[in-house]
Amino acid sequence: MDNRLKPNIFFLLLLLLFTPTPIMAADGPIAATIKKTESTSLTSQMYRDVRSGKLNIQGDHSAVDVLILQRNIPITYDYVATLMRTPNAFGEGPACVVCHSSNNPEHSYRGLDLSTCEGILRGSTESPPSPVIMPGNPDKSPLITRLHNNRMPLGIPFFHPIDGESILKVKKWIDDGAKNNQHFEKTILPLFREKEAFGGEFPCIECHPKTNGLSLTSYRNIMRGAFYKERKKKGLPIKPVVIPGNSEASPLYQRLITNRMPPGISPGEDINHPNIQILTRWVKQGSWCK
């Protein structure tokens, strides 16, 4: 089938499935209740939006956005459970529960159980134990960031060592307070200009030369964090990539050592995959086990 026809077919199906059924009851309390319900139901609202042209659905991504996210449909754990058991749910790769199905570190990586809601909320039990979900805050939830953030440098192999000399230098600099001193200028800053410092084929500054986004060209720009200009225009606080004294909380270091999930996924895989958006909304809604 010609892909150009699919959006039109989807639109026709919407009209067919959601055209209101005429009310056959006579006027009265029951009829009035039915009419009120129809006017406020999600189905009725969607039908009106289709008729008025407010809905522009051109595929799965758009459908998730306009039918679920924009209307803040409650995401049930049942759907999340399905995602955890489905291969390729978040992009090409195995189902999450293949590697993470028990809180016993001898049987499951990181002692992480993604096969139950309680297991997800319990998080990783392998020392040091840590949560993978912060209910209400997907930006601080490792489960979400691991599906979303590629390891740097972009395209580095999954099994590339995370304790290389350059990585350890960055870690120590951060843990020692991330100071702007001679050590930083002579030892740390040059690493971001070096072609293969962290195992990639290009220097960091080839992708991060500008302040708008992330610039790794100077101490000042690094400490301004990500999207500095954009956030400043909106009156938002900086989004730091370095937390002095704490490499574990510093995105700059974490992006050098943390692989994107599922293992082996292409760095070009869409970070706005519909299922990632739905899982993110579940976390934002409170990660309810219902």
Protein backbone atom coordinates (compact mmCIF):
# COMPACT_ATOMS: atom_id res chain seq x y z
CA MET A 1 0.00 0.00 0.00
CA ASP A 2 1.22 3.49 -0.86
CA ASN A 3 2.35 5.15 2.42
CA ARG A 4 0.82 8.39 1.22
CA LEU A 5 -2.62 6.84 1.57
CA LYS A 6 -2.24 5.78 5.21
CA PRO A 7 -3.02 9.16 6.84
CA ASN A 8 -6.21 9.45 4.78
CA ILE A 9 -7.32 5.94 5.76
CA PHE A 10 -6.61 6.68 9.41
CA PHE A 11 -8.69 9.86 9.15
CA LEU A 12 -11.60 7.97 7.60
CA LEU A 13 -11.43 5.33 10.32
CA LEU A 14 -11.64 8.05 12.95
CA LEU A 15 -14.76 9.45 11.31
CA LEU A 16 -16.29 5.99 11.03
CA LEU A 17 -15.50 4.90 14.57
CA PHE A 18 -16.32 8.09 16.40
CA THR A 19 -19.31 9.55 14.57
CA PRO A 20 -21.90 10.06 17.34
CA THR A 21 -24.84 7.66 17.30
CA PRO A 22 -28.19 9.50 17.10
CA ILE A 23 -30.06 9.57 20.41
CA MET A 24 -33.33 7.75 20.02
CA ALA A 25 -34.73 8.47 23.49
CA ALA A 26 -37.38 11.11 23.91
CA ASP A 27 -36.68 14.38 25.68
CA GLY A 28 -36.36 14.01 29.43
CA PRO A 29 -33.80 13.58 32.23
CA ILE A 30 -32.20 10.49 30.66
CA ALA A 31 -31.84 12.10 27.24
CA ALA A 32 -30.42 15.24 28.82
CA THR A 33 -27.85 13.22 30.75
CA ILE A 34 -26.80 11.35 27.61
CA LYS A 35 -26.45 14.60 25.68
CA LYS A 36 -24.35 16.16 28.46
CA THR A 37 -22.10 13.11 28.63
CA GLU A 38 -21.61 13.16 24.88
CA SER A 39 -20.67 16.82 24.96
CA THR A 40 -17.97 16.32 27.60
CA SER A 41 -16.60 12.85 26.80
CA LEU A 42 -13.15 12.41 25.29
CA THR A 43 -14.69 10.68 22.29
CA SER A 44 -17.02 13.60 21.64
CA GLN A 45 -14.23 16.14 22.11
CA MET A 46 -12.01 14.24 19.68
CA TYR A 47 -14.82 14.06 17.13
CA ARG A 48 -15.33 17.82 17.32
CA ASP A 49 -11.58 18.39 16.95
CA VAL A 50 -11.48 16.15 13.87
CA ARG A 51 -14.39 18.00 12.30
CA SER A 52 -12.87 21.41 13.07
CA GLY A 53 -9.46 20.44 11.72
CA LYS A 54 -7.66 20.75 15.06
CA LEU A 55 -6.35 17.19 14.85
CA ASN A 56 -3.55 16.60 12.37
CA ILE A 57 -2.66 12.94 12.62
CA GLN A 58 0.04 11.74 10.23
CA GLY A 59 1.28 8.56 11.93
CA ASP A 60 1.94 6.87 15.26
CA HIS A 61 3.96 9.73 16.73
CA SER A 62 1.27 12.28 16.00
CA ALA A 63 -1.48 9.97 17.20
CA VAL A 64 0.23 9.52 20.57
CA ASP A 65 0.70 13.27 20.90
CA VAL A 66 -2.78 14.51 19.99
CA LEU A 67 -4.85 11.61 21.34
CA ILE A 68 -2.95 10.80 24.54
CA LEU A 69 -0.37 13.37 25.61
CA GLN A 70 -2.23 16.59 24.77
CA ARG A 71 -5.34 15.28 26.54
CA ASN A 72 -3.33 13.91 29.48
CA ILE A 73 -4.97 10.48 29.25
CA PRO A 74 -4.11 8.51 32.41
CA ILE A 75 -1.44 5.91 31.58
CA THR A 76 -2.12 2.61 33.30
CA TYR A 77 0.58 0.32 34.63
CA ASP A 78 -0.90 -2.46 32.47
CA TYR A 79 0.45 -0.68 29.39
CA VAL A 80 3.82 -0.07 31.03
CA ALA A 81 4.01 -3.78 31.90
CA THR A 82 3.39 -4.62 28.25
CA LEU A 83 6.21 -2.30 27.17
CA MET A 84 8.66 -3.96 29.54
CA ARG A 85 7.86 -7.37 28.04
CA THR A 86 7.86 -6.38 24.37
CA PRO A 87 10.95 -6.58 22.12
CA ASN A 88 11.63 -3.37 20.16
CA ALA A 89 9.21 -1.42 22.37
CA PHE A 90 11.56 1.57 22.58
CA GLY A 91 13.55 0.99 19.41
CA GLU A 92 15.32 -2.05 18.03
CA GLY A 93 16.45 -4.25 20.91
CA PRO A 94 15.38 -6.98 23.35
CA ALA A 95 12.57 -6.68 25.87
CA CYS A 96 13.62 -4.95 29.09
CA VAL A 97 12.68 -7.91 31.31
CA VAL A 98 15.17 -10.18 29.53
CA CYS A 99 17.99 -8.46 31.43
CA HIS A 100 16.04 -6.92 34.34
CA SER A 101 13.57 -9.34 35.93
CA SER A 102 14.72 -9.80 39.52
CA ASN A 103 16.00 -7.81 42.47
CA ASN A 104 18.67 -10.49 42.94
CA PRO A 105 21.91 -9.14 41.39
CA GLU A 106 23.00 -12.73 40.74
CA HIS A 107 20.09 -13.25 38.36
CA SER A 108 19.39 -9.78 36.98
CA TYR A 109 21.64 -6.93 35.90
CA ARG A 110 21.90 -4.22 38.59
CA GLY A 111 19.47 -6.21 40.70
CA LEU A 112 16.73 -4.39 38.82
CA ASP A 113 13.28 -5.93 38.42
CA LEU A 114 11.24 -4.36 35.62
CA SER A 115 8.74 -7.21 35.56
CA THR A 116 6.54 -5.72 38.31
CA CYS A 117 5.43 -2.25 39.29
CA GLU A 118 6.85 -2.73 42.77
CA GLY A 119 10.17 -3.79 41.26
CA ILE A 120 10.31 -0.67 39.09
CA LEU A 121 9.62 1.56 42.07
CA ARG A 122 12.14 -0.33 44.23
CA GLY A 123 14.88 0.34 41.71
CA SER A 124 18.36 -1.14 41.51
CA THR A 125 19.35 -3.16 44.57
CA GLU A 126 22.95 -3.86 43.59
CA SER A 127 25.37 -1.80 45.70
CA PRO A 128 25.06 1.10 45.75
CA PRO A 129 21.26 0.76 45.54
CA SER A 130 19.52 3.50 43.62
CA PRO A 131 16.03 4.33 42.35
CA VAL A 132 15.26 4.26 38.63
CA ILE A 133 12.00 6.19 38.94
CA MET A 134 11.28 9.52 40.62
CA PRO A 135 7.46 9.64 40.50
CA GLY A 136 6.32 12.94 39.06
CA ASN A 137 9.79 13.83 37.76
CA PRO A 138 10.81 12.00 34.56
CA ASP A 139 13.83 14.29 34.05
CA LYS A 140 15.35 12.89 37.24
CA SER A 141 14.36 9.27 36.52
CA PRO A 142 17.24 7.08 35.29
CA LEU A 143 14.78 4.70 33.62
CA ILE A 144 13.73 7.52 31.30
CA THR A 145 17.17 9.01 30.74
CA ARG A 146 18.63 5.58 29.90
CA LEU A 147 16.06 5.23 27.11
CA HIS A 148 16.65 8.77 25.91
CA ASN A 149 20.32 9.73 26.28
CA ASN A 150 23.01 8.36 24.00
CA ARG A 151 26.41 7.65 25.47
CA MET A 152 29.06 10.10 24.38
CA PRO A 153 30.94 10.33 22.10
CA LEU A 154 28.05 9.55 19.78
CA GLY A 155 28.22 6.04 18.35
CA ILE A 156 30.76 4.66 20.80
CA PRO A 157 30.46 0.84 21.14
CA PHE A 158 28.37 -0.51 24.00
CA PHE A 159 31.28 -2.40 25.57
CA HIS A 160 33.84 0.39 25.28
CA PRO A 161 35.62 0.74 28.68
CA ILE A 162 34.20 3.32 31.06
CA ASP A 163 37.42 3.60 33.08
CA GLY A 164 39.72 4.98 30.40
CA GLU A 165 42.40 7.47 31.43
CA SER A 166 40.61 10.50 29.98
CA ILE A 167 37.28 9.60 31.57
CA LEU A 168 38.92 9.12 34.95
CA LYS A 169 40.62 12.51 34.63
CA VAL A 170 37.25 14.20 34.07
CA LYS A 171 35.75 12.29 37.00
CA LYS A 172 38.57 13.26 39.36
CA TRP A 173 38.43 16.91 38.24
CA ILE A 174 34.71 17.04 39.02
CA ASP A 175 35.04 15.21 42.36
CA ASP A 176 37.88 17.56 43.35
CA GLY A 177 35.55 20.52 42.94
CA ALA A 178 35.62 21.23 39.18
CA LYS A 179 37.96 24.18 39.70
CA ASN A 180 38.98 26.66 37.03
CA ASN A 181 42.71 26.45 37.47
CA GLN A 182 45.91 25.57 35.64
CA HIS A 183 45.13 21.84 35.89
CA PHE A 184 41.81 22.41 34.09
CA GLU A 185 43.39 24.54 31.35
CA LYS A 186 46.33 22.21 30.70
CA THR A 187 44.84 18.77 31.38
CA ILE A 188 41.02 18.74 31.23
CA LEU A 189 40.01 21.29 28.59
CA PRO A 190 42.36 19.87 25.91
CA LEU A 191 40.59 16.50 26.22
CA PHE A 192 37.46 17.97 24.64
CA ARG A 193 39.53 19.09 21.65
CA GLU A 194 41.38 15.78 21.25
CA LYS A 195 40.07 13.54 18.48
CA GLU A 196 40.02 10.17 20.28
CA ALA A 197 40.24 11.21 23.92
CA PHE A 198 37.09 9.31 24.92
CA GLY A 199 37.04 6.60 22.27
CA GLY A 200 35.15 8.37 19.52
CA GLU A 201 36.25 9.35 16.03
CA PHE A 202 35.73 13.09 16.49
CA PRO A 203 36.63 15.61 19.19
CA CYS A 204 33.83 16.65 21.56
CA ILE A 205 33.91 20.26 20.39
CA GLU A 206 32.97 19.20 16.86
CA CYS A 207 29.42 18.62 18.13
CA HIS A 208 29.57 21.00 21.10
CA PRO A 209 31.23 24.22 19.94
CA LYS A 210 28.42 26.68 20.63
CA THR A 211 26.92 28.09 23.79
CA ASN A 212 23.37 27.46 22.55
CA GLY A 213 23.13 23.74 23.27
CA LEU A 214 26.33 22.81 25.05
CA SER A 215 29.75 24.34 24.53
CA LEU A 216 32.83 22.50 25.73
CA THR A 217 35.23 25.21 24.55
CA SER A 218 35.86 26.98 27.87
CA TYR A 219 35.33 26.70 31.61
CA ARG A 220 32.71 29.43 31.49
CA ASN A 221 30.68 27.71 28.79
CA ILE A 222 30.91 24.30 30.44
CA MET A 223 29.64 25.67 33.73
CA ARG A 224 26.80 27.49 31.98
CA GLY A 225 25.41 24.07 31.15
CA ALA A 226 23.10 22.95 28.37
CA PHE A 227 20.91 25.30 26.32
CA TYR A 228 22.14 28.33 28.24
CA LYS A 229 20.98 31.02 25.80
CA GLU A 230 17.63 29.38 25.19
CA ARG A 231 16.93 28.95 28.92
CA LYS A 232 18.11 32.48 29.69
CA LYS A 233 15.63 33.93 27.18
CA LYS A 234 12.83 32.00 28.87
CA GLY A 235 13.94 33.06 32.35
CA LEU A 236 14.80 29.50 33.31
CA PRO A 237 17.67 28.51 35.63
CA ILE A 238 20.78 26.98 34.10
CA LYS A 239 20.83 23.28 33.35
CA PRO A 240 24.28 22.29 34.67
CA VAL A 241 26.28 19.45 33.21
CA VAL A 242 28.88 19.61 36.00
CA ILE A 243 28.07 19.43 39.72
CA PRO A 244 31.33 20.32 41.51
CA GLY A 245 32.34 17.57 43.92
CA ASN A 246 29.81 15.07 42.59
CA SER A 247 30.63 13.21 39.38
CA GLU A 248 27.73 10.79 39.94
CA ALA A 249 25.29 13.67 39.62
CA SER A 250 27.12 15.36 36.75
CA PRO A 251 25.62 14.73 33.30
CA LEU A 252 28.97 15.44 31.63
CA TYR A 253 30.60 12.47 33.34
CA GLN A 254 27.51 10.26 33.20
CA ARG A 255 27.19 10.72 29.44
CA LEU A 256 30.76 9.41 29.06
CA ILE A 257 30.03 6.15 30.92
CA THR A 258 26.31 5.42 30.63
CA ASN A 259 25.02 3.44 27.67
CA ARG A 260 21.59 4.06 26.20
CA MET A 261 19.07 1.24 26.58
CA PRO A 262 18.19 -1.22 25.18
CA PRO A 263 21.77 -2.46 24.78
CA GLY A 264 23.22 -1.94 21.34
CA ILE A 265 20.50 0.44 20.15
CA SER A 266 21.55 2.72 17.30
CA PRO A 267 22.43 6.27 18.39
CA GLY A 268 20.25 7.43 15.51
CA GLU A 269 17.14 5.78 16.97
CA ASP A 270 14.39 8.31 17.59
CA ILE A 271 14.62 9.67 21.15
CA ASN A 272 10.97 10.75 20.86
CA HIS A 273 9.70 7.24 20.20
CA PRO A 274 5.96 7.12 21.05
CA ASN A 275 6.45 4.50 23.76
CA ILE A 276 9.20 6.54 25.41
CA GLN A 277 6.78 9.48 25.46
CA ILE A 278 4.05 7.32 27.00
CA LEU A 279 6.38 5.88 29.66
CA THR A 280 7.58 9.41 30.43
CA ARG A 281 3.99 10.56 30.91
CA TRP A 282 3.32 7.60 33.25
CA VAL A 283 6.21 8.74 35.43
CA LYS A 284 5.06 12.38 35.29
CA GLN A 285 1.57 11.31 36.32
CA GLY A 286 2.95 9.66 39.46
CA SER A 287 3.97 6.14 38.36
CA TRP A 288 0.81 4.62 39.77
CA CYS A 289 0.60 0.82 40.00
CA LYS A 290 -2.94 0.71 38.65
